Amino acid sequence: MNSEQDPRAKDRILGDEWLDWQGAEEPPQITEGKRTFLLLSLAVLVGFALLGFLFWYLVLPRFEQYGHRYATLLTVVVAAGAAFFLVWYGLLIGAVVSQRIYLAICLHRGSNLFIMLFPAVARLAKSFGISRDRVSHSFIEVSNRLVGPWRKEGTVLALVPRCLSKELKKEIRTICAGFPNVILHTAPGGTEARTIIRTIKPRAIVAVACERDLVTGIHDVAPKIPVIGIPNTRPLGPCKDTALDIEKFRSAILFFCTKP
């Protein structure tokens, strides 16, 4: 649909909308569950494992020329690497589904594995007709479940976009005002958000944004800083009077601020 024909595309200024958005129809709220990203990422991981075994199959004869010991060593390394990532992934799925801590290090570093897999997952999702925003929403749901219960003294940073409606901004300010260790900032974009994070050095972040900005932000700071991402809804399209589930925001603040 042409942007001139779509009333949602009007009343915007340069820099306040997605560069690739031309007023095309999109659902105002994406509700993609965790299963989408988990299944696609498992398919990608299995694909990488198969490539590893293909590499082993192709180079094994050359290693055998140097002796049986070297061929055995190659086989052990390839099999151990594939087993490590598949077992790690299995533990992460268990943690996501049950929200139980199987291994602290697995949870704490788990988002690294998902972040590494995300570009390949997004390409695979596209081949199945699943948009990047849908798979991003699913990724955020998974990432939020891997935020550990480690709560230390320090500042919790609440980052919200400038495109939220005035009513919601007021509600968010009221919620944050009830917690002395919460600092609320409006970030017009990713560059400004990164500057704020470097300046404040928070122990945890609650971020509200569109899926694509949240994925970029999680990639930048997780797992060094635990992040709970809350995707906004876009009844008028991106970057204009967006909304969010205020109870999810409140729960995220409570998660980081309530003593265990």
Protein backbone atom coordinates (compact mmCIF):
# COMPACT_ATOMS: atom_id res chain seq x y z
CA MET A 1 0.00 0.00 0.00
CA ASN A 2 1.33 3.44 -0.87
CA SER A 3 2.16 5.67 2.11
CA GLU A 4 0.12 8.50 0.57
CA GLN A 5 -2.97 6.33 0.73
CA ASP A 6 -2.47 5.14 4.29
CA PRO A 7 -3.57 7.63 6.96
CA ARG A 8 -1.21 5.99 9.43
CA ALA A 9 1.75 7.19 7.36
CA LYS A 10 0.82 10.85 7.68
CA ASP A 11 1.87 13.33 10.31
CA ARG A 12 5.40 11.97 10.65
CA ILE A 13 8.75 13.65 10.29
CA LEU A 14 12.01 12.25 8.95
CA GLY A 15 13.71 10.08 11.54
CA ASP A 16 10.49 9.30 13.42
CA GLU A 17 9.55 6.19 11.45
CA TRP A 18 11.10 2.97 10.24
CA LEU A 19 13.11 3.56 7.08
CA ASP A 20 11.52 0.56 5.35
CA TRP A 21 7.95 1.32 6.41
CA GLN A 22 5.78 2.72 3.64
CA GLY A 23 2.43 2.64 5.39
CA ALA A 24 1.93 -1.07 4.65
CA GLU A 25 -0.56 -2.94 6.76
CA GLU A 26 0.86 -4.64 9.82
CA PRO A 27 -0.79 -5.94 12.98
CA PRO A 28 -0.79 -3.25 15.68
CA GLN A 29 0.27 -5.88 18.20
CA ILE A 30 2.51 -8.89 17.60
CA THR A 31 1.86 -11.89 19.84
CA GLU A 32 4.42 -14.49 18.84
CA GLY A 33 5.16 -17.11 21.49
CA LYS A 34 8.47 -18.58 22.57
CA ARG A 35 7.93 -21.77 20.57
CA THR A 36 8.60 -20.07 17.23
CA PHE A 37 12.14 -19.01 18.06
CA LEU A 38 12.94 -22.19 19.99
CA LEU A 39 11.93 -24.50 17.14
CA LEU A 40 13.66 -22.42 14.47
CA SER A 41 16.83 -22.05 16.52
CA LEU A 42 16.88 -25.82 17.14
CA ALA A 43 16.62 -26.39 13.38
CA VAL A 44 19.51 -23.98 12.81
CA LEU A 45 21.64 -25.60 15.51
CA VAL A 46 21.01 -29.08 14.09
CA GLY A 47 21.94 -27.71 10.66
CA PHE A 48 25.24 -26.41 12.02
CA ALA A 49 25.89 -29.78 13.66
CA LEU A 50 25.29 -31.55 10.35
CA LEU A 51 27.71 -29.16 8.63
CA GLY A 52 30.27 -30.01 11.30
CA PHE A 53 29.87 -33.71 10.63
CA LEU A 54 30.08 -33.06 6.88
CA PHE A 55 33.39 -31.28 7.48
CA TRP A 56 34.53 -34.28 9.54
CA TYR A 57 33.53 -36.70 6.80
CA LEU A 58 35.38 -34.76 4.10
CA VAL A 59 38.64 -34.18 5.94
CA LEU A 60 38.86 -37.48 7.87
CA PRO A 61 40.69 -39.34 5.04
CA ARG A 62 43.42 -36.67 5.02
CA PHE A 63 43.85 -36.94 8.80
CA GLU A 64 44.07 -40.73 8.50
CA GLN A 65 47.09 -40.26 6.25
CA TYR A 66 48.95 -38.88 9.27
CA GLY A 67 47.91 -41.78 11.48
CA HIS A 68 44.96 -43.23 13.35
CA ARG A 69 45.68 -41.04 16.39
CA TYR A 70 45.01 -37.80 14.50
CA ALA A 71 41.83 -39.15 12.91
CA THR A 72 40.54 -40.16 16.34
CA LEU A 73 41.41 -36.75 17.77
CA LEU A 74 39.46 -34.99 14.99
CA THR A 75 36.45 -37.25 15.57
CA VAL A 76 36.47 -36.56 19.30
CA VAL A 77 36.75 -32.78 18.81
CA VAL A 78 33.88 -32.62 16.28
CA ALA A 79 31.61 -34.91 18.31
CA ALA A 80 32.37 -33.10 21.59
CA GLY A 81 31.68 -29.70 20.05
CA ALA A 82 28.34 -30.80 18.62
CA ALA A 83 27.36 -32.52 21.87
CA PHE A 84 28.30 -29.47 23.95
CA PHE A 85 26.09 -27.07 22.01
CA LEU A 86 23.18 -29.50 21.76
CA VAL A 87 23.28 -30.26 25.50
CA TRP A 88 23.62 -26.55 26.32
CA TYR A 89 20.66 -25.83 24.10
CA GLY A 90 18.66 -28.58 25.78
CA LEU A 91 19.36 -27.08 29.19
CA LEU A 92 18.31 -23.66 27.93
CA ILE A 93 15.03 -25.00 26.60
CA GLY A 94 14.40 -26.63 29.96
CA ALA A 95 15.17 -23.35 31.71
CA VAL A 96 12.90 -21.36 29.39
CA VAL A 97 9.99 -23.77 29.73
CA SER A 98 10.22 -24.36 33.47
CA GLN A 99 12.02 -21.19 34.63
CA ARG A 100 14.18 -23.31 36.88
CA ILE A 101 17.90 -22.75 37.20
CA TYR A 102 19.63 -25.87 35.92
CA LEU A 103 23.06 -24.28 35.79
CA ALA A 104 23.71 -20.68 36.78
CA ILE A 105 26.36 -20.24 34.11
CA CYS A 106 24.03 -21.78 31.51
CA LEU A 107 21.34 -19.23 32.28
CA HIS A 108 23.69 -16.30 32.68
CA ARG A 109 25.41 -16.89 29.34
CA GLY A 110 22.47 -18.53 27.62
CA SER A 111 21.38 -15.45 25.73
CA ASN A 112 24.79 -15.43 24.01
CA LEU A 113 23.92 -18.66 22.20
CA PHE A 114 20.50 -17.36 21.14
CA ILE A 115 21.99 -14.04 20.03
CA MET A 116 24.58 -15.86 17.91
CA LEU A 117 21.85 -17.96 16.32
CA PHE A 118 19.44 -15.08 15.70
CA PRO A 119 20.68 -13.94 12.22
CA ALA A 120 20.44 -17.49 10.87
CA VAL A 121 17.08 -17.99 12.59
CA ALA A 122 15.74 -14.79 11.00
CA ARG A 123 16.80 -15.98 7.54
CA LEU A 124 15.21 -19.38 8.10
CA ALA A 125 12.03 -17.74 9.39
CA LYS A 126 11.83 -15.58 6.25
CA SER A 127 11.88 -18.72 4.09
CA PHE A 128 8.78 -19.89 5.99
CA GLY A 129 7.02 -16.54 5.56
CA ILE A 130 7.60 -15.46 9.18
CA SER A 131 8.48 -11.77 9.40
CA ARG A 132 11.58 -10.54 11.20
CA ASP A 133 9.39 -8.68 13.71
CA ARG A 134 7.50 -11.86 14.58
CA VAL A 135 10.65 -13.90 15.13
CA SER A 136 12.15 -10.95 17.04
CA HIS A 137 9.12 -10.88 19.33
CA SER A 138 9.53 -14.59 19.98
CA PHE A 139 13.26 -14.11 20.67
CA ILE A 140 12.47 -11.38 23.21
CA GLU A 141 10.00 -13.69 24.98
CA VAL A 142 12.75 -16.32 25.24
CA SER A 143 15.38 -13.84 26.35
CA ASN A 144 13.13 -12.47 29.10
CA ARG A 145 12.72 -15.97 30.53
CA LEU A 146 16.50 -16.32 30.80
CA VAL A 147 16.91 -13.22 32.95
CA GLY A 148 18.19 -14.67 36.19
CA PRO A 149 16.95 -13.84 39.67
CA TRP A 150 20.22 -12.17 40.66
CA ARG A 151 19.31 -8.93 42.37
CA LYS A 152 22.07 -6.73 43.73
CA GLU A 153 22.21 -3.21 45.02
CA GLY A 154 22.34 -0.61 42.29
CA THR A 155 20.33 1.32 39.76
CA VAL A 156 17.61 -0.11 37.57
CA LEU A 157 17.31 1.80 34.31
CA ALA A 158 13.90 2.11 32.66
CA LEU A 159 14.27 3.04 29.00
CA VAL A 160 11.20 4.13 27.04
CA PRO A 161 10.82 5.55 23.50
CA ARG A 162 9.64 9.07 22.84
CA CYS A 163 6.80 7.80 20.66
CA LEU A 164 4.69 6.50 23.59
CA SER A 165 1.37 8.21 24.13
CA LYS A 166 1.28 10.97 26.74
CA GLU A 167 -1.05 9.00 29.01
CA LEU A 168 1.30 6.04 29.14
CA LYS A 169 4.32 8.24 29.78
CA LYS A 170 2.51 9.66 32.79
CA GLU A 171 1.66 6.18 34.11
CA ILE A 172 5.26 5.04 33.64
CA ARG A 173 6.60 8.06 35.53
CA THR A 174 4.22 7.29 38.39
CA ILE A 175 5.38 3.67 38.58
CA CYS A 176 9.08 4.56 38.49
CA ALA A 177 8.61 7.28 41.12
CA GLY A 178 7.60 4.57 43.60
CA PHE A 179 11.08 2.99 43.49
CA PRO A 180 14.02 5.13 44.63
CA ASN A 181 16.57 2.99 42.78
CA VAL A 182 14.80 3.24 39.40
CA ILE A 183 15.91 5.89 36.91
CA LEU A 184 13.61 6.64 33.98
CA HIS A 185 15.01 7.87 30.68
CA THR A 186 13.53 8.52 27.27
CA ALA A 187 15.78 7.32 24.46
CA PRO A 188 14.96 8.57 20.93
CA GLY A 189 17.09 5.83 19.40
CA GLY A 190 19.70 3.14 19.91
CA THR A 191 22.69 5.50 19.94
CA GLU A 192 21.17 7.61 22.71
CA ALA A 193 20.20 4.47 24.66
CA ARG A 194 23.77 3.18 24.56
CA THR A 195 25.07 6.56 25.76
CA ILE A 196 22.62 6.54 28.68
CA ILE A 197 23.64 3.00 29.65
CA ARG A 198 27.35 3.87 29.58
CA THR A 199 26.71 6.93 31.73
CA ILE A 200 24.46 5.34 34.35
CA LYS A 201 26.00 1.84 34.39
CA PRO A 202 22.81 0.21 35.69
CA ARG A 203 22.67 -3.25 37.23
CA ALA A 204 19.51 -4.07 35.23
CA ILE A 205 17.42 -2.58 32.43
CA VAL A 206 13.72 -2.57 31.64
CA ALA A 207 13.40 -1.46 28.02
CA VAL A 208 10.31 -0.56 26.02
CA ALA A 209 10.71 -0.35 22.24
CA CYS A 210 9.78 -1.99 18.96
CA GLU A 211 11.04 -5.52 18.39
CA ARG A 212 13.91 -4.53 16.12
CA ASP A 213 15.30 -2.00 18.62
CA LEU A 214 14.94 -4.42 21.52
CA VAL A 215 16.82 -7.18 19.71
CA THR A 216 19.65 -4.76 18.93
CA GLY A 217 19.73 -3.58 22.54
CA ILE A 218 19.78 -7.11 23.96
CA HIS A 219 22.60 -7.94 21.55
CA ASP A 220 24.58 -4.94 22.82
CA VAL A 221 24.26 -5.42 26.59
CA ALA A 222 23.11 -8.97 27.45
CA PRO A 223 24.20 -10.94 29.35
CA LYS A 224 26.55 -8.40 30.95
CA ILE A 225 23.50 -6.45 32.09
CA PRO A 226 20.20 -8.32 32.55
CA VAL A 227 17.50 -6.87 30.29
CA ILE A 228 13.75 -7.37 30.26
CA GLY A 229 12.36 -6.19 26.95
CA ILE A 230 8.75 -5.09 26.50
CA PRO A 231 7.69 -4.73 22.86
CA ASN A 232 5.36 -1.83 22.19
CA THR A 233 2.15 -1.97 20.21
CA ARG A 234 1.61 0.28 17.20
CA PRO A 235 -2.05 1.11 16.57
CA LEU A 236 -1.03 4.00 14.27
CA GLY A 237 2.04 2.32 12.83
CA PRO A 238 5.62 2.66 14.05
CA CYS A 239 6.96 5.64 15.95
CA LYS A 240 3.67 7.43 16.60
CA ASP A 241 1.52 7.21 19.76
CA THR A 242 2.67 3.69 20.51
CA ALA A 243 1.41 1.75 23.52
CA LEU A 244 2.44 -1.07 25.83
CA ASP A 245 1.09 -3.46 28.43
CA ILE A 246 1.57 -1.30 31.53
CA GLU A 247 1.21 -4.32 33.84
CA LYS A 248 4.13 -6.04 32.11
CA PHE A 249 6.19 -2.92 32.70
CA ARG A 250 5.21 -2.82 36.36
CA SER A 251 6.01 -6.52 36.80
CA ALA A 252 9.44 -6.07 35.21
CA ILE A 253 10.28 -3.22 37.58
CA LEU A 254 9.10 -5.31 40.54
CA PHE A 255 11.19 -8.27 39.37
CA PHE A 256 14.39 -6.25 39.64
CA CYS A 257 13.42 -4.20 42.68
CA THR A 258 11.74 -6.74 44.96
CA LYS A 259 14.13 -8.50 47.32
CA PRO A 260 14.20 -12.28 46.91
